[in-house]
């Protein structure tokens, strides 16, 4: 039987598994945060708070959620990706890019879904 070449070392698998688990947990937190943000905005609207005030609060909350759920988690992954490219570990680097891309797509999709859900109530 032929021996197949290993693409990922044990260290690489640990890196991929750690980031995947971290982003999966963060995605659940993102879903809950978006739901709370939109529910809060609807409550403010029902209470009669001015539209301009609601818009300002909404923008601030979305920027804070974007920083917490997109920008900050991306920093260590981007650093690890750069390190992997420097070490000529292209397979690991591309997998990290793929994982981060899927996470960003999921966060944006969840934002759109929650927004549409609230608008269509």
PDB file of N, CA and C in Angstrom:
ATOM      1  N   UNK A   1       0.843  -1.177   0.000  1.00  0.00           N
ATOM      2  CA  UNK A   1       0.000   0.000   0.000  1.00  0.00           C
ATOM      3  C   UNK A   1       0.890   1.243   0.000  1.00  0.00           C
ATOM      4  N   UNK A   2       0.556   2.212  -0.841  1.00  0.00           N
ATOM      5  CA  UNK A   2       1.347   3.437  -0.929  1.00  0.00           C
ATOM      6  C   UNK A   2       1.094   4.320   0.286  1.00  0.00           C
ATOM      7  N   UNK A   3       2.143   4.964   0.705  1.00  0.00           N
ATOM      8  CA  UNK A   3       2.037   5.930   1.796  1.00  0.00           C
ATOM      9  C   UNK A   3       1.634   7.274   1.192  1.00  0.00           C
ATOM     10  N   UNK A   4       0.637   7.908   1.741  1.00  0.00           N
ATOM     11  CA  UNK A   4       0.222   9.218   1.241  1.00  0.00           C
ATOM     12  C   UNK A   4       0.965  10.299   2.002  1.00  0.00           C
ATOM     13  N   UNK A   5       1.212  11.381   1.309  1.00  0.00           N
ATOM     14  CA  UNK A   5       1.908  12.513   1.916  1.00  0.00           C
ATOM     15  C   UNK A   5       0.951  13.254   2.838  1.00  0.00           C
ATOM     16  N   UNK A   6       1.438  13.567   4.022  1.00  0.00           N
ATOM     17  CA  UNK A   6       0.629  14.341   4.959  1.00  0.00           C
ATOM     18  C   UNK A   6       0.660  15.804   4.548  1.00  0.00           C
ATOM     19  N   UNK A   7      -0.516  16.395   4.467  1.00  0.00           N
ATOM     20  CA  UNK A   7      -0.604  17.809   4.111  1.00  0.00           C
ATOM     21  C   UNK A   7      -0.457  18.671   5.356  1.00  0.00           C
ATOM     22  N   UNK A   8      -1.051  18.227   6.449  1.00  0.00           N
ATOM     23  CA  UNK A   8      -1.028  18.994   7.687  1.00  0.00           C
ATOM     24  C   UNK A   8      -0.311  18.213   8.773  1.00  0.00           C
ATOM     25  N   UNK A   9       0.549  18.902   9.499  1.00  0.00           N
ATOM     26  CA  UNK A   9       1.205  18.295  10.652  1.00  0.00           C
ATOM     27  C   UNK A   9       0.243  18.320  11.833  1.00  0.00           C
ATOM     28  N   UNK A  10       0.642  17.688  12.907  1.00  0.00           N
ATOM     29  CA  UNK A  10      -0.193  17.701  14.119  1.00  0.00           C
ATOM     30  C   UNK A  10      -0.378  19.119  14.632  1.00  0.00           C
ATOM     31  N   UNK A  11       0.676  19.927  14.526  1.00  0.00           N
ATOM     32  CA  UNK A  11       0.598  21.331  14.961  1.00  0.00           C
ATOM     33  C   UNK A  11      -0.421  22.090  14.101  1.00  0.00           C
ATOM     34  N   UNK A  12      -0.377  21.867  12.784  1.00  0.00           N
ATOM     35  CA  UNK A  12      -1.316  22.538  11.881  1.00  0.00           C
ATOM     36  C   UNK A  12      -2.760  22.148  12.194  1.00  0.00           C
ATOM     37  N   UNK A  13      -2.980  20.879  12.451  1.00  0.00           N
ATOM     38  CA  UNK A  13      -4.332  20.410  12.783  1.00  0.00           C
ATOM     39  C   UNK A  13      -4.805  21.053  14.081  1.00  0.00           C
ATOM     40  N   UNK A  14      -3.900  21.205  15.029  1.00  0.00           N
ATOM     41  CA  UNK A  14      -4.250  21.887  16.277  1.00  0.00           C
ATOM     42  C   UNK A  14      -4.628  23.339  16.054  1.00  0.00           C
ATOM     43  N   UNK A  15      -3.874  24.016  15.180  1.00  0.00           N
ATOM     44  CA  UNK A  15      -4.168  25.417  14.860  1.00  0.00           C
ATOM     45  C   UNK A  15      -5.534  25.529  14.195  1.00  0.00           C
ATOM     46  N   UNK A  16      -5.770  24.691  13.193  1.00  0.00           N
ATOM     47  CA  UNK A  16      -7.056  24.728  12.481  1.00  0.00           C
ATOM     48  C   UNK A  16      -8.215  24.403  13.416  1.00  0.00           C
ATOM     49  N   UNK A  17      -8.046  23.385  14.256  1.00  0.00           N
ATOM     50  CA  UNK A  17      -9.102  23.004  15.187  1.00  0.00           C
ATOM     51  C   UNK A  17      -9.393  24.088  16.208  1.00  0.00           C
ATOM     52  N   UNK A  18      -8.336  24.720  16.709  1.00  0.00           N
ATOM     53  CA  UNK A  18      -8.523  25.791  17.695  1.00  0.00           C
ATOM     54  C   UNK A  18      -9.283  26.967  17.109  1.00  0.00           C
ATOM     55  N   UNK A  19      -8.849  27.416  15.927  1.00  0.00           N
ATOM     56  CA  UNK A  19      -9.536  28.544  15.309  1.00  0.00           C
ATOM     57  C   UNK A  19     -10.967  28.181  14.918  1.00  0.00           C
ATOM     58  N   UNK A  20     -11.181  26.988  14.417  1.00  0.00           N
ATOM     59  CA  UNK A  20     -12.535  26.573  14.034  1.00  0.00           C
ATOM     60  C   UNK A  20     -13.467  26.556  15.243  1.00  0.00           C
ATOM     61  N   UNK A  21     -13.003  26.000  16.349  1.00  0.00           N
ATOM     62  CA  UNK A  21     -13.821  25.945  17.564  1.00  0.00           C
ATOM     63  C   UNK A  21     -14.098  27.346  18.100  1.00  0.00           C
ATOM     64  N   UNK A  22     -13.061  28.177  18.103  1.00  0.00           N
ATOM     65  CA  UNK A  22     -13.207  29.543  18.590  1.00  0.00           C
ATOM     66  C   UNK A  22     -14.229  30.321  17.766  1.00  0.00           C
ATOM     67  N   UNK A  23     -14.134  30.213  16.436  1.00  0.00           N
ATOM     68  CA  UNK A  23     -15.061  30.951  15.586  1.00  0.00           C
ATOM     69  C   UNK A  23     -16.476  30.391  15.655  1.00  0.00           C
ATOM     70  N   UNK A  24     -16.617  29.092  15.854  1.00  0.00           N
ATOM     71  CA  UNK A  24     -17.956  28.514  16.004  1.00  0.00           C
ATOM     72  C   UNK A  24     -18.621  29.037  17.266  1.00  0.00           C
ATOM     73  N   UNK A  25     -17.884  29.089  18.361  1.00  0.00           N
ATOM     74  CA  UNK A  25     -18.428  29.628  19.606  1.00  0.00           C
ATOM     75  C   UNK A  25     -18.753  31.110  19.448  1.00  0.00           C
ATOM     76  N   UNK A  26     -17.882  31.825  18.773  1.00  0.00           N
ATOM     77  CA  UNK A  26     -18.108  33.251  18.560  1.00  0.00           C
ATOM     78  C   UNK A  26     -19.317  33.501  17.665  1.00  0.00           C
ATOM     79  N   UNK A  27     -19.566  32.611  16.723  1.00  0.00           N
ATOM     80  CA  UNK A  27     -20.728  32.752  15.846  1.00  0.00           C
ATOM     81  C   UNK A  27     -22.027  32.628  16.634  1.00  0.00           C
ATOM     82  N   UNK A  28     -22.064  31.723  17.592  1.00  0.00           N
ATOM     83  CA  UNK A  28     -23.250  31.593  18.448  1.00  0.00           C
ATOM     84  C   UNK A  28     -23.453  32.884  19.247  1.00  0.00           C
ATOM     85  N   UNK A  29     -22.375  33.428  19.780  1.00  0.00           N
ATOM     86  CA  UNK A  29     -22.475  34.687  20.525  1.00  0.00           C
ATOM     87  C   UNK A  29     -22.935  35.825  19.616  1.00  0.00           C
ATOM     88  N   UNK A  30     -22.477  35.815  18.376  1.00  0.00           N
ATOM     89  CA  UNK A  30     -22.879  36.838  17.411  1.00  0.00           C
ATOM     90  C   UNK A  30     -24.369  36.771  17.135  1.00  0.00           C
ATOM     91  N   UNK A  31     -24.882  35.569  16.951  1.00  0.00           N
ATOM     92  CA  UNK A  31     -26.311  35.400  16.689  1.00  0.00           C
ATOM     93  C   UNK A  31     -27.129  35.960  17.842  1.00  0.00           C
ATOM     94  N   UNK A  32     -26.731  35.649  19.053  1.00  0.00           N
ATOM     95  CA  UNK A  32     -27.456  36.158  20.222  1.00  0.00           C
ATOM     96  C   UNK A  32     -27.335  37.677  20.341  1.00  0.00           C
ATOM     97  N   UNK A  33     -26.156  38.202  20.057  1.00  0.00           N
ATOM     98  CA  UNK A  33     -25.961  39.652  20.150  1.00  0.00           C
ATOM     99  C   UNK A  33     -26.815  40.390  19.127  1.00  0.00           C
ATOM    100  N   UNK A  34     -26.822  39.913  17.882  1.00  0.00           N
ATOM    101  CA  UNK A  34     -27.641  40.567  16.860  1.00  0.00           C
ATOM    102  C   UNK A  34     -29.118  40.524  17.238  1.00  0.00           C
ATOM    103  N   UNK A  35     -29.573  39.398  17.721  1.00  0.00           N
ATOM    104  CA  UNK A  35     -30.979  39.281  18.109  1.00  0.00           C
ATOM    105  C   UNK A  35     -31.300  40.296  19.209  1.00  0.00           C
ATOM    106  N   UNK A  36     -30.411  40.427  20.187  1.00  0.00           N
ATOM    107  CA  UNK A  36     -30.635  41.390  21.272  1.00  0.00           C
ATOM    108  C   UNK A  36     -30.602  42.823  20.763  1.00  0.00           C
ATOM    109  N   UNK A  37     -29.677  43.126  19.861  1.00  0.00           N
ATOM    110  CA  UNK A  37     -29.591  44.487  19.317  1.00  0.00           C
ATOM    111  C   UNK A  37     -30.883  44.854  18.598  1.00  0.00           C
ATOM    112  N   UNK A  38     -31.363  43.965  17.737  1.00  0.00           N
ATOM    113  CA  UNK A  38     -32.570  44.290  16.970  1.00  0.00           C
ATOM    114  C   UNK A  38     -33.813  44.320  17.861  1.00  0.00           C
ATOM    115  N   UNK A  39     -33.884  43.433  18.833  1.00  0.00           N
ATOM    116  CA  UNK A  39     -35.014  43.476  19.769  1.00  0.00           C
ATOM    117  C   UNK A  39     -35.013  44.790  20.553  1.00  0.00           C
ATOM    118  N   UNK A  40     -33.832  45.232  20.957  1.00  0.00           N
ATOM    119  CA  UNK A  40     -33.703  46.491  21.684  1.00  0.00           C
ATOM    120  C   UNK A  40     -34.147  47.665  20.810  1.00  0.00           C
ATOM    121  N   UNK A  41     -33.773  47.653  19.541  1.00  0.00           N
ATOM    122  CA  UNK A  41     -34.168  48.726  18.630  1.00  0.00           C
ATOM    123  C   UNK A  41     -35.687  48.769  18.442  1.00  0.00           C
ATOM    124  N   UNK A  42     -36.312  47.602  18.331  1.00  0.00           N
ATOM    125  CA  UNK A  42     -37.770  47.535  18.181  1.00  0.00           C
ATOM    126  C   UNK A  42     -38.446  48.069  19.449  1.00  0.00           C
ATOM    127  N   UNK A  43     -37.915  47.703  20.615  1.00  0.00           N
ATOM    128  CA  UNK A  43     -38.483  48.205  21.874  1.00  0.00           C
ATOM    129  C   UNK A  43     -38.396  49.720  21.944  1.00  0.00           C
ATOM    130  N   UNK A  44     -37.246  50.283  21.541  1.00  0.00           N
ATOM    131  CA  UNK A  44     -37.100  51.739  21.552  1.00  0.00           C
ATOM    132  C   UNK A  44     -38.095  52.395  20.604  1.00  0.00           C
ATOM    133  N   UNK A  45     -38.310  51.802  19.462  1.00  0.00           N
ATOM    134  CA  UNK A  45     -39.251  52.341  18.493  1.00  0.00           C
ATOM    135  C   UNK A  45     -40.669  52.311  19.042  1.00  0.00           C
ATOM    136  N   UNK A  46     -41.039  51.203  19.696  1.00  0.00           N
ATOM    137  CA  UNK A  46     -42.379  51.059  20.271  1.00  0.00           C
ATOM    138  C   UNK A  46     -42.588  52.060  21.397  1.00  0.00           C
ATOM    139  N   UNK A  47     -41.536  52.333  22.170  1.00  0.00           N
ATOM    140  CA  UNK A  47     -41.636  53.289  23.277  1.00  0.00           C
ATOM    141  C   UNK A  47     -41.727  54.735  22.797  1.00  0.00           C
ATOM    142  N   UNK A  48     -41.515  54.958  21.514  1.00  0.00           N
ATOM    143  CA  UNK A  48     -41.663  56.303  20.970  1.00  0.00           C
ATOM    144  C   UNK A  48     -40.402  57.137  20.995  1.00  0.00           C
ATOM    145  N   UNK A  49     -39.257  56.498  21.169  1.00  0.00           N
ATOM    146  CA  UNK A  49     -37.998  57.238  21.124  1.00  0.00           C
ATOM    147  C   UNK A  49     -37.816  57.742  19.691  1.00  0.00           C
ATOM    148  N   UNK A  50     -37.247  58.914  19.542  1.00  0.00           N
ATOM    149  CA  UNK A  50     -37.072  59.516  18.212  1.00  0.00           C
ATOM    150  C   UNK A  50     -36.259  58.643  17.267  1.00  0.00           C
ATOM    151  N   UNK A  51     -36.622  58.703  16.003  1.00  0.00           N
ATOM    152  CA  UNK A  51     -35.953  57.901  14.978  1.00  0.00           C
ATOM    153  C   UNK A  51     -34.464  58.230  14.909  1.00  0.00           C
ATOM    154  N   UNK A  52     -34.118  59.500  15.015  1.00  0.00           N
ATOM    155  CA  UNK A  52     -32.698  59.875  14.923  1.00  0.00           C
ATOM    156  C   UNK A  52     -31.903  59.280  16.085  1.00  0.00           C
ATOM    157  N   UNK A  53     -32.501  59.242  17.268  1.00  0.00           N
ATOM    158  CA  UNK A  53     -31.840  58.639  18.430  1.00  0.00           C
ATOM    159  C   UNK A  53     -31.667  57.143  18.224  1.00  0.00           C
ATOM    160  N   UNK A  54     -32.685  56.493  17.712  1.00  0.00           N
ATOM    161  CA  UNK A  54     -32.608  55.049  17.451  1.00  0.00           C
ATOM    162  C   UNK A  54     -31.529  54.772  16.407  1.00  0.00           C
ATOM    163  N   UNK A  55     -31.442  55.590  15.373  1.00  0.00           N
ATOM    164  CA  UNK A  55     -30.428  55.389  14.329  1.00  0.00           C
ATOM    165  C   UNK A  55     -29.023  55.503  14.902  1.00  0.00           C
ATOM    166  N   UNK A  56     -28.805  56.497  15.757  1.00  0.00           N
ATOM    167  CA  UNK A  56     -27.480  56.683  16.362  1.00  0.00           C
ATOM    168  C   UNK A  56     -27.131  55.488  17.248  1.00  0.00           C
ATOM    169  N   UNK A  57     -28.069  55.058  18.091  1.00  0.00           N
ATOM    170  CA  UNK A  57     -27.829  53.905  18.967  1.00  0.00           C
ATOM    171  C   UNK A  57     -27.575  52.655  18.131  1.00  0.00           C
ATOM    172  N   UNK A  58     -28.356  52.468  17.082  1.00  0.00           N
ATOM    173  CA  UNK A  58     -28.204  51.302  16.220  1.00  0.00           C
ATOM    174  C   UNK A  58     -26.821  51.287  15.568  1.00  0.00           C
ATOM    175  N   UNK A  59     -26.399  52.415  15.044  1.00  0.00           N
ATOM    176  CA  UNK A  59     -25.087  52.498  14.396  1.00  0.00           C
ATOM    177  C   UNK A  59     -23.975  52.198  15.395  1.00  0.00           C
ATOM    178  N   UNK A  60     -24.072  52.755  16.588  1.00  0.00           N
ATOM    179  CA  UNK A  60     -23.055  52.509  17.617  1.00  0.00           C
ATOM    180  C   UNK A  60     -23.006  51.025  17.987  1.00  0.00           C
ATOM    181  N   UNK A  61     -24.171  50.411  18.167  1.00  0.00           N
ATOM    182  CA  UNK A  61     -24.207  48.992  18.528  1.00  0.00           C
ATOM    183  C   UNK A  61     -23.686  48.100  17.399  1.00  0.00           C
ATOM    184  N   UNK A  62     -23.995  48.422  16.168  1.00  0.00           N
ATOM    185  CA  UNK A  62     -23.517  47.620  15.036  1.00  0.00           C
ATOM    186  C   UNK A  62     -22.005  47.775  14.880  1.00  0.00           C
ATOM    187  N   UNK A  63     -21.481  48.974  15.065  1.00  0.00           N
ATOM    188  CA  UNK A  63     -20.027  49.173  14.993  1.00  0.00           C
ATOM    189  C   UNK A  63     -19.341  48.394  16.113  1.00  0.00           C
ATOM    190  N   UNK A  64     -19.900  48.452  17.320  1.00  0.00           N
ATOM    191  CA  UNK A  64     -19.315  47.703  18.442  1.00  0.00           C
ATOM    192  C   UNK A  64     -19.361  46.197  18.177  1.00  0.00           C
ATOM    193  N   UNK A  65     -20.481  45.709  17.651  1.00  0.00           N
ATOM    194  CA  UNK A  65     -20.590  44.277  17.337  1.00  0.00           C
ATOM    195  C   UNK A  65     -19.620  43.907  16.220  1.00  0.00           C
ATOM    196  N   UNK A  66     -19.475  44.762  15.229  1.00  0.00           N
ATOM    197  CA  UNK A  66     -18.529  44.495  14.148  1.00  0.00           C
ATOM    198  C   UNK A  66     -17.096  44.409  14.645  1.00  0.00           C
ATOM    199  N   UNK A  67     -16.735  45.317  15.533  1.00  0.00           N
ATOM    200  CA  UNK A  67     -15.392  45.261  16.117  1.00  0.00           C
ATOM    201  C   UNK A  67     -15.200  43.992  16.940  1.00  0.00           C
ATOM    202  N   UNK A  68     -16.188  43.686  17.762  1.00  0.00           N
ATOM    203  CA  UNK A  68     -16.070  42.534  18.655  1.00  0.00           C
ATOM    204  C   UNK A  68     -16.124  41.208  17.920  1.00  0.00           C
ATOM    205  N   UNK A  69     -16.929  41.121  16.872  1.00  0.00           N
ATOM    206  CA  UNK A  69     -17.163  39.834  16.235  1.00  0.00           C
ATOM    207  C   UNK A  69     -16.479  39.654  14.883  1.00  0.00           C
ATOM    208  N   UNK A  70     -15.971  40.727  14.282  1.00  0.00           N
ATOM    209  CA  UNK A  70     -15.290  40.592  12.994  1.00  0.00           C
ATOM    210  C   UNK A  70     -13.823  41.010  13.068  1.00  0.00           C
ATOM    211  N   UNK A  71     -13.566  42.203  13.535  1.00  0.00           N
ATOM    212  CA  UNK A  71     -12.213  42.746  13.484  1.00  0.00           C
ATOM    213  C   UNK A  71     -11.285  42.055  14.485  1.00  0.00           C
ATOM    214  N   UNK A  72     -11.660  42.029  15.747  1.00  0.00           N
ATOM    215  CA  UNK A  72     -10.779  41.450  16.763  1.00  0.00           C
ATOM    216  C   UNK A  72     -10.472  39.969  16.542  1.00  0.00           C
ATOM    217  N   UNK A  73     -11.453  39.122  16.218  1.00  0.00           N
ATOM    218  CA  UNK A  73     -11.111  37.717  15.968  1.00  0.00           C
ATOM    219  C   UNK A  73     -10.268  37.516  14.708  1.00  0.00           C
ATOM    220  N   UNK A  74     -10.350  38.445  13.765  1.00  0.00           N
ATOM    221  CA  UNK A  74      -9.609  38.300  12.522  1.00  0.00           C
ATOM    222  C   UNK A  74      -8.118  38.564  12.698  1.00  0.00           C
ATOM    223  N   UNK A  75      -7.759  39.372  13.660  1.00  0.00           N
ATOM    224  CA  UNK A  75      -6.352  39.765  13.825  1.00  0.00           C
ATOM    225  C   UNK A  75      -5.437  38.561  14.049  1.00  0.00           C
ATOM    226  N   UNK A  76      -5.692  37.677  15.039  1.00  0.00           N
ATOM    227  CA  UNK A  76      -4.769  36.546  15.213  1.00  0.00           C
ATOM    228  C   UNK A  76      -4.784  35.567  14.031  1.00  0.00           C
ATOM    229  N   UNK A  77      -5.925  35.435  13.373  1.00  0.00           N
ATOM    230  CA  UNK A  77      -5.985  34.530  12.225  1.00  0.00           C
ATOM    231  C   UNK A  77      -5.177  35.098  11.067  1.00  0.00           C
ATOM    232  N   UNK A  78      -5.272  36.390  10.843  1.00  0.00           N
ATOM    233  CA  UNK A  78      -4.485  37.024   9.778  1.00  0.00           C
ATOM    234  C   UNK A  78      -2.991  36.928  10.086  1.00  0.00           C
ATOM    235  N   UNK A  79      -2.629  37.102  11.348  1.00  0.00           N
ATOM    236  CA  UNK A  79      -1.223  36.968  11.734  1.00  0.00           C
ATOM    237  C   UNK A  79      -0.734  35.535  11.516  1.00  0.00           C
ATOM    238  N   UNK A  80      -1.542  34.552  11.886  1.00  0.00           N
ATOM    239  CA  UNK A  80      -1.169  33.152  11.677  1.00  0.00           C
ATOM    240  C   UNK A  80      -1.074  32.825  10.196  1.00  0.00           C
ATOM    241  N   UNK A  81      -1.954  33.417   9.393  1.00  0.00           N
ATOM    242  CA  UNK A  81      -1.922  33.196   7.943  1.00  0.00           C
ATOM    243  C   UNK A  81      -0.638  33.763   7.350  1.00  0.00           C
ATOM    244  N   UNK A  82      -0.285  34.953   7.756  1.00  0.00           N
ATOM    245  CA  UNK A  82       0.961  35.558   7.277  1.00  0.00           C
ATOM    246  C   UNK A  82       2.173  34.732   7.675  1.00  0.00           C
ATOM    247  N   UNK A  83       2.185  34.236   8.911  1.00  0.00           N
ATOM    248  CA  UNK A  83       3.276  33.396   9.384  1.00  0.00           C
ATOM    249  C   UNK A  83       3.351  32.103   8.574  1.00  0.00           C
ATOM    250  N   UNK A  84       2.186  31.528   8.267  1.00  0.00           N
ATOM    251  CA  UNK A  84       2.160  30.291   7.482  1.00  0.00           C
ATOM    252  C   UNK A  84       2.704  30.524   6.067  1.00  0.00           C
ATOM    253  N   UNK A  85       2.361  31.652   5.452  1.00  0.00           N
ATOM    254  CA  UNK A  85       2.908  31.959   4.127  1.00  0.00           C
ATOM    255  C   UNK A  85       4.425  32.152   4.193  1.00  0.00           C
ATOM    256  N   UNK A  86       4.906  32.841   5.249  1.00  0.00           N
ATOM    257  CA  UNK A  86       6.354  33.055   5.394  1.00  0.00           C
ATOM    258  C   UNK A  86       7.095  31.734   5.566  1.00  0.00           C
ATOM    259  N   UNK A  87       6.469  30.787   6.253  1.00  0.00           N
ATOM    260  CA  UNK A  87       7.086  29.479   6.483  1.00  0.00           C
ATOM    261  C   UNK A  87       6.832  28.528   5.310  1.00  0.00           C
ATOM    262  N   UNK A  88       6.279  29.038   4.234  1.00  0.00           N
ATOM    263  CA  UNK A  88       5.949  28.240   3.035  1.00  0.00           C
ATOM    264  C   UNK A  88       4.977  27.108   3.328  1.00  0.00           C
ATOM    265  N   UNK A  89       4.121  27.316   4.295  1.00  0.00           N
ATOM    266  CA  UNK A  89       3.080  26.339   4.620  1.00  0.00           C
ATOM    267  C   UNK A  89       1.776  26.840   3.977  1.00  0.00           C
ATOM    268  N   UNK A  90       1.728  26.772   2.659  1.00  0.00           N
ATOM    269  CA  UNK A  90       0.622  27.355   1.909  1.00  0.00           C
ATOM    270  C   UNK A  90      -0.709  26.650   2.175  1.00  0.00           C
ATOM    271  N   UNK A  91      -0.670  25.356   2.416  1.00  0.00           N
ATOM    272  CA  UNK A  91      -1.918  24.632   2.679  1.00  0.00           C
ATOM    273  C   UNK A  91      -2.583  25.162   3.944  1.00  0.00           C
ATOM    274  N   UNK A  92      -1.801  25.357   5.002  1.00  0.00           N
ATOM    275  CA  UNK A  92      -2.347  25.897   6.259  1.00  0.00           C
ATOM    276  C   UNK A  92      -2.848  27.319   6.037  1.00  0.00           C
ATOM    277  N   UNK A  93      -2.077  28.120   5.322  1.00  0.00           N
ATOM    278  CA  UNK A  93      -2.472  29.514   5.096  1.00  0.00           C
ATOM    279  C   UNK A  93      -3.797  29.594   4.352  1.00  0.00           C
ATOM    280  N   UNK A  94      -3.959  28.795   3.310  1.00  0.00           N
ATOM    281  CA  UNK A  94      -5.205  28.826   2.550  1.00  0.00           C
ATOM    282  C   UNK A  94      -6.376  28.287   3.355  1.00  0.00           C
ATOM    283  N   UNK A  95      -6.137  27.305   4.201  1.00  0.00           N
ATOM    284  CA  UNK A  95      -7.220  26.798   5.068  1.00  0.00           C
ATOM    285  C   UNK A  95      -7.648  27.861   6.077  1.00  0.00           C
ATOM    286  N   UNK A  96      -6.697  28.603   6.620  1.00  0.00           N
ATOM    287  CA  UNK A  96      -7.045  29.683   7.544  1.00  0.00           C
ATOM    288  C   UNK A  96      -7.844  30.776   6.831  1.00  0.00           C
ATOM    289  N   UNK A  97      -7.462  31.091   5.607  1.00  0.00           N
ATOM    290  CA  UNK A  97      -8.220  32.075   4.820  1.00  0.00           C
ATOM    291  C   UNK A  97      -9.635  31.557   4.567  1.00  0.00           C
ATOM    292  N   UNK A  98      -9.749  30.293   4.240  1.00  0.00           N
ATOM    293  CA  UNK A  98     -11.060  29.680   4.006  1.00  0.00           C
ATOM    294  C   UNK A  98     -11.929  29.730   5.262  1.00  0.00           C
ATOM    295  N   UNK A  99     -11.366  29.343   6.400  1.00  0.00           N
ATOM    296  CA  UNK A  99     -12.115  29.355   7.662  1.00  0.00           C
ATOM    297  C   UNK A  99     -12.569  30.772   7.991  1.00  0.00           C
ATOM    298  N   UNK A 100     -11.688  31.749   7.845  1.00  0.00           N
ATOM    299  CA  UNK A 100     -12.054  33.135   8.137  1.00  0.00           C
ATOM    300  C   UNK A 100     -13.111  33.634   7.161  1.00  0.00           C
ATOM    301  N   UNK A 101     -12.998  33.266   5.892  1.00  0.00           N
ATOM    302  CA  UNK A 101     -13.999  33.668   4.900  1.00  0.00           C
ATOM    303  C   UNK A 101     -15.373  33.106   5.213  1.00  0.00           C
ATOM    304  N   UNK A 102     -15.421  31.841   5.586  1.00  0.00           N
ATOM    305  CA  UNK A 102     -16.703  31.215   5.959  1.00  0.00           C
ATOM    306  C   UNK A 102     -17.292  31.906   7.183  1.00  0.00           C
ATOM    307  N   UNK A 103     -16.450  32.214   8.168  1.00  0.00           N
ATOM    308  CA  UNK A 103     -16.933  32.888   9.377  1.00  0.00           C
ATOM    309  C   UNK A 103     -17.494  34.274   9.037  1.00  0.00           C
ATOM    310  N   UNK A 104     -16.773  35.045   8.236  1.00  0.00           N
ATOM    311  CA  UNK A 104     -17.244  36.390   7.876  1.00  0.00           C
ATOM    312  C   UNK A 104     -18.556  36.302   7.102  1.00  0.00           C
ATOM    313  N   UNK A 105     -18.651  35.361   6.176  1.00  0.00           N
ATOM    314  CA  UNK A 105     -19.894  35.162   5.438  1.00  0.00           C
ATOM    315  C   UNK A 105     -21.037  34.812   6.388  1.00  0.00           C
ATOM    316  N   UNK A 106     -20.786  33.944   7.364  1.00  0.00           N
ATOM    317  CA  UNK A 106     -21.826  33.542   8.314  1.00  0.00           C
ATOM    318  C   UNK A 106     -22.279  34.720   9.175  1.00  0.00           C
ATOM    319  N   UNK A 107     -21.347  35.548   9.612  1.00  0.00           N
ATOM    320  CA  UNK A 107     -21.705  36.706  10.439  1.00  0.00           C
ATOM    321  C   UNK A 107     -22.548  37.694   9.632  1.00  0.00           C
ATOM    322  N   UNK A 108     -22.141  37.966   8.405  1.00  0.00           N
ATOM    323  CA  UNK A 108     -22.898  38.900   7.560  1.00  0.00           C
ATOM    324  C   UNK A 108     -24.272  38.336   7.227  1.00  0.00           C
ATOM    325  N   UNK A 109     -24.339  37.041   6.931  1.00  0.00           N
ATOM    326  CA  UNK A 109     -25.624  36.398   6.637  1.00  0.00           C
ATOM    327  C   UNK A 109     -26.554  36.458   7.842  1.00  0.00           C
ATOM    328  N   UNK A 110     -26.002  36.225   9.017  1.00  0.00           N
ATOM    329  CA  UNK A 110     -26.827  36.269  10.223  1.00  0.00           C
ATOM    330  C   UNK A 110     -27.335  37.681  10.476  1.00  0.00           C
ATOM    331  N   UNK A 111     -26.496  38.679  10.209  1.00  0.00           N
ATOM    332  CA  UNK A 111     -26.930  40.066  10.348  1.00  0.00           C
ATOM    333  C   UNK A 111     -28.100  40.347   9.420  1.00  0.00           C
ATOM    334  N   UNK A 112     -27.955  39.954   8.158  1.00  0.00           N
ATOM    335  CA  UNK A 112     -29.023  40.181   7.181  1.00  0.00           C
ATOM    336  C   UNK A 112     -30.295  39.428   7.562  1.00  0.00           C
ATOM    337  N   UNK A 113     -30.152  38.195   8.005  1.00  0.00           N
ATOM    338  CA  UNK A 113     -31.315  37.396   8.407  1.00  0.00           C
ATOM    339  C   UNK A 113     -32.040  38.033   9.586  1.00  0.00           C
ATOM    340  N   UNK A 114     -31.284  38.442  10.597  1.00  0.00           N
ATOM    341  CA  UNK A 114     -31.908  39.044  11.774  1.00  0.00           C
ATOM    342  C   UNK A 114     -32.563  40.373  11.424  1.00  0.00           C
ATOM    343  N   UNK A 115     -31.921  41.155  10.575  1.00  0.00           N
ATOM    344  CA  UNK A 115     -32.502  42.423  10.150  1.00  0.00           C
ATOM    345  C   UNK A 115     -33.808  42.191   9.400  1.00  0.00           C
ATOM    346  N   UNK A 116     -33.796  41.283   8.461  1.00  0.00           N
ATOM    347  CA  UNK A 116     -35.019  40.994   7.689  1.00  0.00           C
ATOM    348  C   UNK A 116     -36.113  40.405   8.572  1.00  0.00           C
ATOM    349  N   UNK A 117     -35.723  39.559   9.513  1.00  0.00           N
ATOM    350  CA  UNK A 117     -36.702  38.981  10.431  1.00  0.00           C
ATOM    351  C   UNK A 117     -37.430  40.054  11.231  1.00  0.00           C
ATOM    352  N   UNK A 118     -36.675  41.047  11.687  1.00  0.00           N
ATOM    353  CA  UNK A 118     -37.271  42.127  12.466  1.00  0.00           C
ATOM    354  C   UNK A 118     -38.120  43.046  11.583  1.00  0.00           C
ATOM    355  N   UNK A 119     -37.655  43.311  10.372  1.00  0.00           N
ATOM    356  CA  UNK A 119     -38.387  44.208   9.479  1.00  0.00           C
ATOM    357  C   UNK A 119     -39.705  43.588   8.991  1.00  0.00           C
ATOM    358  N   UNK A 120     -39.732  42.284   8.871  1.00  0.00           N
ATOM    359  CA  UNK A 120     -40.906  41.620   8.323  1.00  0.00           C
ATOM    360  C   UNK A 120     -41.877  41.101   9.388  1.00  0.00           C
ATOM    361  N   UNK A 121     -41.692  41.481  10.626  1.00  0.00           N
ATOM    362  CA  UNK A 121     -42.608  41.052  11.697  1.00  0.00           C
ATOM    363  C   UNK A 121     -43.944  41.703  11.527  1.00  0.00           C
TER     364      UNK A 121
END
